Amino acid sequence: MVRITANPQILGGKLIIAGTRISVEFILELLASGVSEEDLLLDYPHLHREDIHACLRYAAKSLKNEIYLELGETATRETQYA
């Protein structure tokens, strides 16, 4: 089953969980802010654990071959995420 999809008519074409108007970005932000999978499933009963895992797999795959290039004198050697 396809769990992640995009539709130009929903959220401007952002990636969403199939059959919902919930974006992958939103799920990842909630998880990153400390919301547990269990809480997500309670708050959004139409979601399945596999939907959450599909969001995480998408994020992992999107970063898999990411590289950073230094550009010019203002480039820093470290990127911080808060």
PDB file of N, CA and C in Angstrom:
ATOM      1  N   MET A   1       0.837  -1.187   0.000  1.00  0.00           N
ATOM      2  CA  MET A   1       0.000   0.000   0.000  1.00  0.00           C
ATOM      3  C   MET A   1       0.882   1.250   0.000  1.00  0.00           C
ATOM      4  N   VAL A   2       0.541   2.196  -0.828  1.00  0.00           N
ATOM      5  CA  VAL A   2       1.252   3.466  -0.867  1.00  0.00           C
ATOM      6  C   VAL A   2       0.783   4.309   0.305  1.00  0.00           C
ATOM      7  N   ARG A   3       1.714   4.710   1.136  1.00  0.00           N
ATOM      8  CA  ARG A   3       1.357   5.470   2.342  1.00  0.00           C
ATOM      9  C   ARG A   3       1.642   6.963   2.194  1.00  0.00           C
ATOM     10  N   ILE A   4       2.616   7.314   1.354  1.00  0.00           N
ATOM     11  CA  ILE A   4       2.991   8.716   1.146  1.00  0.00           C
ATOM     12  C   ILE A   4       2.654   9.084  -0.290  1.00  0.00           C
ATOM     13  N   THR A   5       1.982  10.211  -0.454  1.00  0.00           N
ATOM     14  CA  THR A   5       1.579  10.636  -1.787  1.00  0.00           C
ATOM     15  C   THR A   5       1.582  12.164  -1.840  1.00  0.00           C
ATOM     16  N   ALA A   6       1.348  12.697  -3.003  1.00  0.00           N
ATOM     17  CA  ALA A   6       1.231  14.146  -3.181  1.00  0.00           C
ATOM     18  C   ALA A   6       0.082  14.412  -4.145  1.00  0.00           C
ATOM     19  N   ASN A   7      -0.640  15.477  -3.882  1.00  0.00           N
ATOM     20  CA  ASN A   7      -1.753  15.892  -4.722  1.00  0.00           C
ATOM     21  C   ASN A   7      -1.717  17.414  -4.786  1.00  0.00           C
ATOM     22  N   PRO A   8      -1.595  17.987  -5.986  1.00  0.00           N
ATOM     23  CA  PRO A   8      -1.516  19.447  -6.093  1.00  0.00           C
ATOM     24  C   PRO A   8      -2.720  20.163  -5.478  1.00  0.00           C
ATOM     25  N   GLN A   9      -3.826  19.467  -5.317  1.00  0.00           N
ATOM     26  CA  GLN A   9      -5.040  20.064  -4.759  1.00  0.00           C
ATOM     27  C   GLN A   9      -5.065  20.036  -3.226  1.00  0.00           C
ATOM     28  N   ILE A  10      -4.118  19.332  -2.610  1.00  0.00           N
ATOM     29  CA  ILE A  10      -4.090  19.209  -1.157  1.00  0.00           C
ATOM     30  C   ILE A  10      -2.776  19.780  -0.639  1.00  0.00           C
ATOM     31  N   LEU A  11      -2.877  20.778   0.227  1.00  0.00           N
ATOM     32  CA  LEU A  11      -1.709  21.420   0.848  1.00  0.00           C
ATOM     33  C   LEU A  11      -0.668  21.869  -0.179  1.00  0.00           C
ATOM     34  N   GLY A  12      -1.126  22.308  -1.328  1.00  0.00           N
ATOM     35  CA  GLY A  12      -0.227  22.835  -2.345  1.00  0.00           C
ATOM     36  C   GLY A  12       0.725  21.811  -2.929  1.00  0.00           C
ATOM     37  N   GLY A  13       0.370  20.530  -2.819  1.00  0.00           N
ATOM     38  CA  GLY A  13       1.207  19.490  -3.393  1.00  0.00           C
ATOM     39  C   GLY A  13       2.263  18.928  -2.449  1.00  0.00           C
ATOM     40  N   LYS A  14       2.222  19.344  -1.171  1.00  0.00           N
ATOM     41  CA  LYS A  14       3.166  18.774  -0.200  1.00  0.00           C
ATOM     42  C   LYS A  14       2.922  17.276  -0.082  1.00  0.00           C
ATOM     43  N   LEU A  15       3.960  16.568   0.343  1.00  0.00           N
ATOM     44  CA  LEU A  15       3.789  15.138   0.596  1.00  0.00           C
ATOM     45  C   LEU A  15       2.853  14.950   1.782  1.00  0.00           C
ATOM     46  N   ILE A  16       1.906  14.043   1.603  1.00  0.00           N
ATOM     47  CA  ILE A  16       0.918  13.776   2.649  1.00  0.00           C
ATOM     48  C   ILE A  16       0.792  12.274   2.866  1.00  0.00           C
ATOM     49  N   ILE A  17       0.184  11.919   3.969  1.00  0.00           N
ATOM     50  CA  ILE A  17      -0.164  10.528   4.210  1.00  0.00           C
ATOM     51  C   ILE A  17      -1.408  10.247   3.377  1.00  0.00           C
ATOM     52  N   ALA A  18      -1.344   9.205   2.576  1.00  0.00           N
ATOM     53  CA  ALA A  18      -2.429   8.885   1.644  1.00  0.00           C
ATOM     54  C   ALA A  18      -3.769   8.814   2.374  1.00  0.00           C
ATOM     55  N   GLY A  19      -4.773   9.412   1.755  1.00  0.00           N
ATOM     56  CA  GLY A  19      -6.121   9.395   2.307  1.00  0.00           C
ATOM     57  C   GLY A  19      -6.363  10.423   3.399  1.00  0.00           C
ATOM     58  N   THR A  20      -5.376  11.302   3.637  1.00  0.00           N
ATOM     59  CA  THR A  20      -5.520  12.328   4.670  1.00  0.00           C
ATOM     60  C   THR A  20      -5.093  13.678   4.111  1.00  0.00           C
ATOM     61  N   ARG A  21      -5.206  14.684   4.947  1.00  0.00           N
ATOM     62  CA  ARG A  21      -4.662  16.006   4.642  1.00  0.00           C
ATOM     63  C   ARG A  21      -3.529  16.312   5.626  1.00  0.00           C
ATOM     64  N   ILE A  22      -2.882  15.269   6.108  1.00  0.00           N
ATOM     65  CA  ILE A  22      -1.794  15.405   7.077  1.00  0.00           C
ATOM     66  C   ILE A  22      -0.470  15.279   6.331  1.00  0.00           C
ATOM     67  N   SER A  23       0.357  16.318   6.449  1.00  0.00           N
ATOM     68  CA  SER A  23       1.624  16.310   5.709  1.00  0.00           C
ATOM     69  C   SER A  23       2.686  15.492   6.440  1.00  0.00           C
ATOM     70  N   VAL A  24       3.590  14.960   5.651  1.00  0.00           N
ATOM     71  CA  VAL A  24       4.747  14.256   6.189  1.00  0.00           C
ATOM     72  C   VAL A  24       5.535  15.220   7.072  1.00  0.00           C
ATOM     73  N   GLU A  25       5.683  16.439   6.618  1.00  0.00           N
ATOM     74  CA  GLU A  25       6.399  17.467   7.373  1.00  0.00           C
ATOM     75  C   GLU A  25       5.794  17.644   8.770  1.00  0.00           C
ATOM     76  N   PHE A  26       4.477  17.688   8.862  1.00  0.00           N
ATOM     77  CA  PHE A  26       3.785  17.870  10.136  1.00  0.00           C
ATOM     78  C   PHE A  26       4.076  16.712  11.088  1.00  0.00           C
ATOM     79  N   ILE A  27       4.010  15.491  10.581  1.00  0.00           N
ATOM     80  CA  ILE A  27       4.286  14.314  11.411  1.00  0.00           C
ATOM     81  C   ILE A  27       5.730  14.353  11.901  1.00  0.00           C
ATOM     82  N   LEU A  28       6.672  14.673  11.021  1.00  0.00           N
ATOM     83  CA  LEU A  28       8.076  14.737  11.414  1.00  0.00           C
ATOM     84  C   LEU A  28       8.314  15.832  12.449  1.00  0.00           C
ATOM     85  N   GLU A  29       7.653  16.974  12.286  1.00  0.00           N
ATOM     86  CA  GLU A  29       7.791  18.053  13.269  1.00  0.00           C
ATOM     87  C   GLU A  29       7.256  17.631  14.635  1.00  0.00           C
ATOM     88  N   LEU A  30       6.124  16.937  14.648  1.00  0.00           N
ATOM     89  CA  LEU A  30       5.572  16.475  15.917  1.00  0.00           C
ATOM     90  C   LEU A  30       6.514  15.489  16.600  1.00  0.00           C
ATOM     91  N   LEU A  31       7.025  14.534  15.837  1.00  0.00           N
ATOM     92  CA  LEU A  31       7.957  13.562  16.404  1.00  0.00           C
ATOM     93  C   LEU A  31       9.213  14.257  16.924  1.00  0.00           C
ATOM     94  N   ALA A  32       9.725  15.216  16.165  1.00  0.00           N
ATOM     95  CA  ALA A  32      10.932  15.938  16.559  1.00  0.00           C
ATOM     96  C   ALA A  32      10.708  16.773  17.821  1.00  0.00           C
ATOM     97  N   SER A  33       9.475  17.184  18.054  1.00  0.00           N
ATOM     98  CA  SER A  33       9.182  17.997  19.239  1.00  0.00           C
ATOM     99  C   SER A  33       8.899  17.141  20.472  1.00  0.00           C
ATOM    100  N   GLY A  34       8.961  15.820  20.288  1.00  0.00           N
ATOM    101  CA  GLY A  34       8.810  14.937  21.445  1.00  0.00           C
ATOM    102  C   GLY A  34       7.479  14.217  21.559  1.00  0.00           C
ATOM    103  N   VAL A  35       6.587  14.437  20.617  1.00  0.00           N
ATOM    104  CA  VAL A  35       5.312  13.719  20.636  1.00  0.00           C
ATOM    105  C   VAL A  35       5.582  12.255  20.297  1.00  0.00           C
ATOM    106  N   SER A  36       5.045  11.344  21.087  1.00  0.00           N
ATOM    107  CA  SER A  36       5.285   9.918  20.862  1.00  0.00           C
ATOM    108  C   SER A  36       4.377   9.371  19.764  1.00  0.00           C
ATOM    109  N   GLU A  37       4.771   8.239  19.220  1.00  0.00           N
ATOM    110  CA  GLU A  37       3.928   7.573  18.230  1.00  0.00           C
ATOM    111  C   GLU A  37       2.557   7.272  18.823  1.00  0.00           C
ATOM    112  N   GLU A  38       2.550   6.828  20.075  1.00  0.00           N
ATOM    113  CA  GLU A  38       1.292   6.485  20.731  1.00  0.00           C
ATOM    114  C   GLU A  38       0.360   7.691  20.830  1.00  0.00           C
ATOM    115  N   ASP A  39       0.942   8.853  21.190  1.00  0.00           N
ATOM    116  CA  ASP A  39       0.130  10.068  21.277  1.00  0.00           C
ATOM    117  C   ASP A  39      -0.396  10.482  19.911  1.00  0.00           C
ATOM    118  N   LEU A  40       0.441  10.346  18.884  1.00  0.00           N
ATOM    119  CA  LEU A  40      -0.019  10.654  17.526  1.00  0.00           C
ATOM    120  C   LEU A  40      -1.204   9.777  17.147  1.00  0.00           C
ATOM    121  N   LEU A  41      -1.103   8.502  17.443  1.00  0.00           N
ATOM    122  CA  LEU A  41      -2.175   7.567  17.085  1.00  0.00           C
ATOM    123  C   LEU A  41      -3.444   7.853  17.877  1.00  0.00           C
ATOM    124  N   LEU A  42      -3.310   8.318  19.114  1.00  0.00           N
ATOM    125  CA  LEU A  42      -4.486   8.690  19.909  1.00  0.00           C
ATOM    126  C   LEU A  42      -5.120   9.974  19.385  1.00  0.00           C
ATOM    127  N   ASP A  43      -4.279  10.954  19.043  1.00  0.00           N
ATOM    128  CA  ASP A  43      -4.785  12.248  18.573  1.00  0.00           C
ATOM    129  C   ASP A  43      -5.337  12.197  17.152  1.00  0.00           C
ATOM    130  N   TYR A  44      -4.812  11.286  16.357  1.00  0.00           N
ATOM    131  CA  TYR A  44      -5.232  11.141  14.950  1.00  0.00           C
ATOM    132  C   TYR A  44      -5.591   9.675  14.715  1.00  0.00           C
ATOM    133  N   PRO A  45      -6.773   9.252  15.164  1.00  0.00           N
ATOM    134  CA  PRO A  45      -7.129   7.828  15.126  1.00  0.00           C
ATOM    135  C   PRO A  45      -7.206   7.234  13.722  1.00  0.00           C
ATOM    136  N   HIS A  46      -7.279   8.053  12.699  1.00  0.00           N
ATOM    137  CA  HIS A  46      -7.305   7.522  11.332  1.00  0.00           C
ATOM    138  C   HIS A  46      -5.906   7.202  10.813  1.00  0.00           C
ATOM    139  N   LEU A  47      -4.855   7.557  11.582  1.00  0.00           N
ATOM    140  CA  LEU A  47      -3.490   7.196  11.214  1.00  0.00           C
ATOM    141  C   LEU A  47      -3.170   5.796  11.713  1.00  0.00           C
ATOM    142  N   HIS A  48      -2.219   5.177  11.043  1.00  0.00           N
ATOM    143  CA  HIS A  48      -1.719   3.865  11.456  1.00  0.00           C
ATOM    144  C   HIS A  48      -0.232   3.998  11.760  1.00  0.00           C
ATOM    145  N   ARG A  49       0.262   3.143  12.599  1.00  0.00           N
ATOM    146  CA  ARG A  49       1.684   3.150  12.941  1.00  0.00           C
ATOM    147  C   ARG A  49       2.552   3.083  11.678  1.00  0.00           C
ATOM    148  N   GLU A  50       2.085   2.340  10.680  1.00  0.00           N
ATOM    149  CA  GLU A  50       2.832   2.223   9.419  1.00  0.00           C
ATOM    150  C   GLU A  50       2.931   3.563   8.695  1.00  0.00           C
ATOM    151  N   ASP A  51       1.932   4.428   8.869  1.00  0.00           N
ATOM    152  CA  ASP A  51       1.985   5.769   8.272  1.00  0.00           C
ATOM    153  C   ASP A  51       3.131   6.575   8.882  1.00  0.00           C
ATOM    154  N   ILE A  52       3.255   6.505  10.191  1.00  0.00           N
ATOM    155  CA  ILE A  52       4.319   7.220  10.888  1.00  0.00           C
ATOM    156  C   ILE A  52       5.678   6.692  10.447  1.00  0.00           C
ATOM    157  N   HIS A  53       5.793   5.382  10.365  1.00  0.00           N
ATOM    158  CA  HIS A  53       7.057   4.775   9.941  1.00  0.00           C
ATOM    159  C   HIS A  53       7.391   5.138   8.492  1.00  0.00           C
ATOM    160  N   ALA A  54       6.370   5.262   7.657  1.00  0.00           N
ATOM    161  CA  ALA A  54       6.602   5.674   6.266  1.00  0.00           C
ATOM    162  C   ALA A  54       7.166   7.098   6.220  1.00  0.00           C
ATOM    163  N   CYS A  55       6.699   7.969   7.097  1.00  0.00           N
ATOM    164  CA  CYS A  55       7.234   9.333   7.168  1.00  0.00           C
ATOM    165  C   CYS A  55       8.708   9.308   7.571  1.00  0.00           C
ATOM    166  N   LEU A  56       9.026   8.486   8.552  1.00  0.00           N
ATOM    167  CA  LEU A  56      10.415   8.371   8.992  1.00  0.00           C
ATOM    168  C   LEU A  56      11.296   7.780   7.900  1.00  0.00           C
ATOM    169  N   ARG A  57      10.794   6.778   7.185  1.00  0.00           N
ATOM    170  CA  ARG A  57      11.569   6.193   6.084  1.00  0.00           C
ATOM    171  C   ARG A  57      11.813   7.234   4.997  1.00  0.00           C
ATOM    172  N   TYR A  58      10.782   8.026   4.685  1.00  0.00           N
ATOM    173  CA  TYR A  58      10.946   9.071   3.683  1.00  0.00           C
ATOM    174  C   TYR A  58      12.043  10.052   4.103  1.00  0.00           C
ATOM    175  N   ALA A  59      12.015  10.488   5.360  1.00  0.00           N
ATOM    176  CA  ALA A  59      13.018  11.434   5.844  1.00  0.00           C
ATOM    177  C   ALA A  59      14.415  10.825   5.762  1.00  0.00           C
ATOM    178  N   ALA A  60      14.551   9.583   6.153  1.00  0.00           N
ATOM    179  CA  ALA A  60      15.858   8.920   6.105  1.00  0.00           C
ATOM    180  C   ALA A  60      16.364   8.807   4.675  1.00  0.00           C
ATOM    181  N   LYS A  61      15.487   8.420   3.761  1.00  0.00           N
ATOM    182  CA  LYS A  61      15.896   8.279   2.359  1.00  0.00           C
ATOM    183  C   LYS A  61      16.240   9.625   1.734  1.00  0.00           C
ATOM    184  N   SER A  62      15.533  10.672   2.138  1.00  0.00           N
ATOM    185  CA  SER A  62      15.792  11.985   1.549  1.00  0.00           C
ATOM    186  C   SER A  62      17.145  12.537   1.978  1.00  0.00           C
ATOM    187  N   LEU A  63      17.674  12.058   3.098  1.00  0.00           N
ATOM    188  CA  LEU A  63      18.973  12.517   3.586  1.00  0.00           C
ATOM    189  C   LEU A  63      20.109  11.562   3.273  1.00  0.00           C
ATOM    190  N   LYS A  64      19.798  10.420   2.725  1.00  0.00           N
ATOM    191  CA  LYS A  64      20.774   9.342   2.566  1.00  0.00           C
ATOM    192  C   LYS A  64      22.053   9.774   1.855  1.00  0.00           C
ATOM    193  N   ASN A  65      21.958  10.436   0.752  1.00  0.00           N
ATOM    194  CA  ASN A  65      23.145  10.792  -0.018  1.00  0.00           C
ATOM    195  C   ASN A  65      23.393  12.294  -0.026  1.00  0.00           C
ATOM    196  N   GLU A  66      22.920  12.954   1.007  1.00  0.00           N
ATOM    197  CA  GLU A  66      23.089  14.393   1.098  1.00  0.00           C
ATOM    198  C   GLU A  66      24.558  14.724   1.348  1.00  0.00           C
ATOM    199  N   ILE A  67      25.056  15.737   0.629  1.00  0.00           N
ATOM    200  CA  ILE A  67      26.429  16.183   0.825  1.00  0.00           C
ATOM    201  C   ILE A  67      26.421  17.690   1.060  1.00  0.00           C
ATOM    202  N   TYR A  68      27.447  18.152   1.705  1.00  0.00           N
ATOM    203  CA  TYR A  68      27.591  19.575   1.969  1.00  0.00           C
ATOM    204  C   TYR A  68      28.850  20.073   1.282  1.00  0.00           C
ATOM    205  N   LEU A  69      28.740  21.209   0.660  1.00  0.00           N
ATOM    206  CA  LEU A  69      29.874  21.821  -0.012  1.00  0.00           C
ATOM    207  C   LEU A  69      30.142  23.183   0.616  1.00  0.00           C
ATOM    208  N   GLU A  70      31.400  23.472   0.881  1.00  0.00           N
ATOM    209  CA  GLU A  70      31.761  24.791   1.365  1.00  0.00           C
ATOM    210  C   GLU A  70      31.791  25.749   0.192  1.00  0.00           C
ATOM    211  N   LEU A  71      31.154  26.888   0.365  1.00  0.00           N
ATOM    212  CA  LEU A  71      31.110  27.894  -0.694  1.00  0.00           C
ATOM    213  C   LEU A  71      31.648  29.204  -0.155  1.00  0.00           C
ATOM    214  N   GLY A  72      32.811  29.607  -0.608  1.00  0.00           N
ATOM    215  CA  GLY A  72      33.368  30.901  -0.252  1.00  0.00           C
ATOM    216  C   GLY A  72      33.862  31.002   1.175  1.00  0.00           C
ATOM    217  N   GLU A  73      34.249  32.224   1.551  1.00  0.00           N
ATOM    218  CA  GLU A  73      34.828  32.470   2.862  1.00  0.00           C
ATOM    219  C   GLU A  73      33.813  32.416   3.988  1.00  0.00           C
ATOM    220  N   THR A  74      32.543  32.648   3.695  1.00  0.00           N
ATOM    221  CA  THR A  74      31.544  32.695   4.753  1.00  0.00           C
ATOM    222  C   THR A  74      31.004  31.321   5.124  1.00  0.00           C
ATOM    223  N   ALA A  75      31.434  30.301   4.408  1.00  0.00           N
ATOM    224  CA  ALA A  75      30.961  28.948   4.702  1.00  0.00           C
ATOM    225  C   ALA A  75      31.470  28.502   6.063  1.00  0.00           C
ATOM    226  N   THR A  76      30.636  27.797   6.798  1.00  0.00           N
ATOM    227  CA  THR A  76      31.031  27.286   8.108  1.00  0.00           C
ATOM    228  C   THR A  76      31.238  25.790   8.012  1.00  0.00           C
ATOM    229  N   ARG A  77      31.984  25.260   8.914  1.00  0.00           N
ATOM    230  CA  ARG A  77      32.271  23.832   8.921  1.00  0.00           C
ATOM    231  C   ARG A  77      31.221  23.043   9.672  1.00  0.00           C
ATOM    232  N   GLU A  78      30.339  23.710  10.349  1.00  0.00           N
ATOM    233  CA  GLU A  78      29.379  23.005  11.181  1.00  0.00           C
ATOM    234  C   GLU A  78      27.999  23.624  10.994  1.00  0.00           C
ATOM    235  N   THR A  79      27.013  22.795  10.822  1.00  0.00           N
ATOM    236  CA  THR A  79      25.635  23.253  10.759  1.00  0.00           C
ATOM    237  C   THR A  79      24.948  22.760  12.027  1.00  0.00           C
ATOM    238  N   GLN A  80      24.271  23.651  12.703  1.00  0.00           N
ATOM    239  CA  GLN A  80      23.610  23.264  13.939  1.00  0.00           C
ATOM    240  C   GLN A  80      22.098  23.300  13.746  1.00  0.00           C
ATOM    241  N   TYR A  81      21.449  22.328  14.339  1.00  0.00           N
ATOM    242  CA  TYR A  81      19.989  22.253  14.322  1.00  0.00           C
ATOM    243  C   TYR A  81      19.500  22.313  15.746  1.00  0.00           C
ATOM    244  N   ALA A  82      18.655  23.279  16.013  1.00  0.00           N
ATOM    245  CA  ALA A  82      18.141  23.421  17.381  1.00  0.00           C
ATOM    246  C   ALA A  82      16.730  22.906  17.477  1.00  0.00           C
TER     247      ALA A  82
END
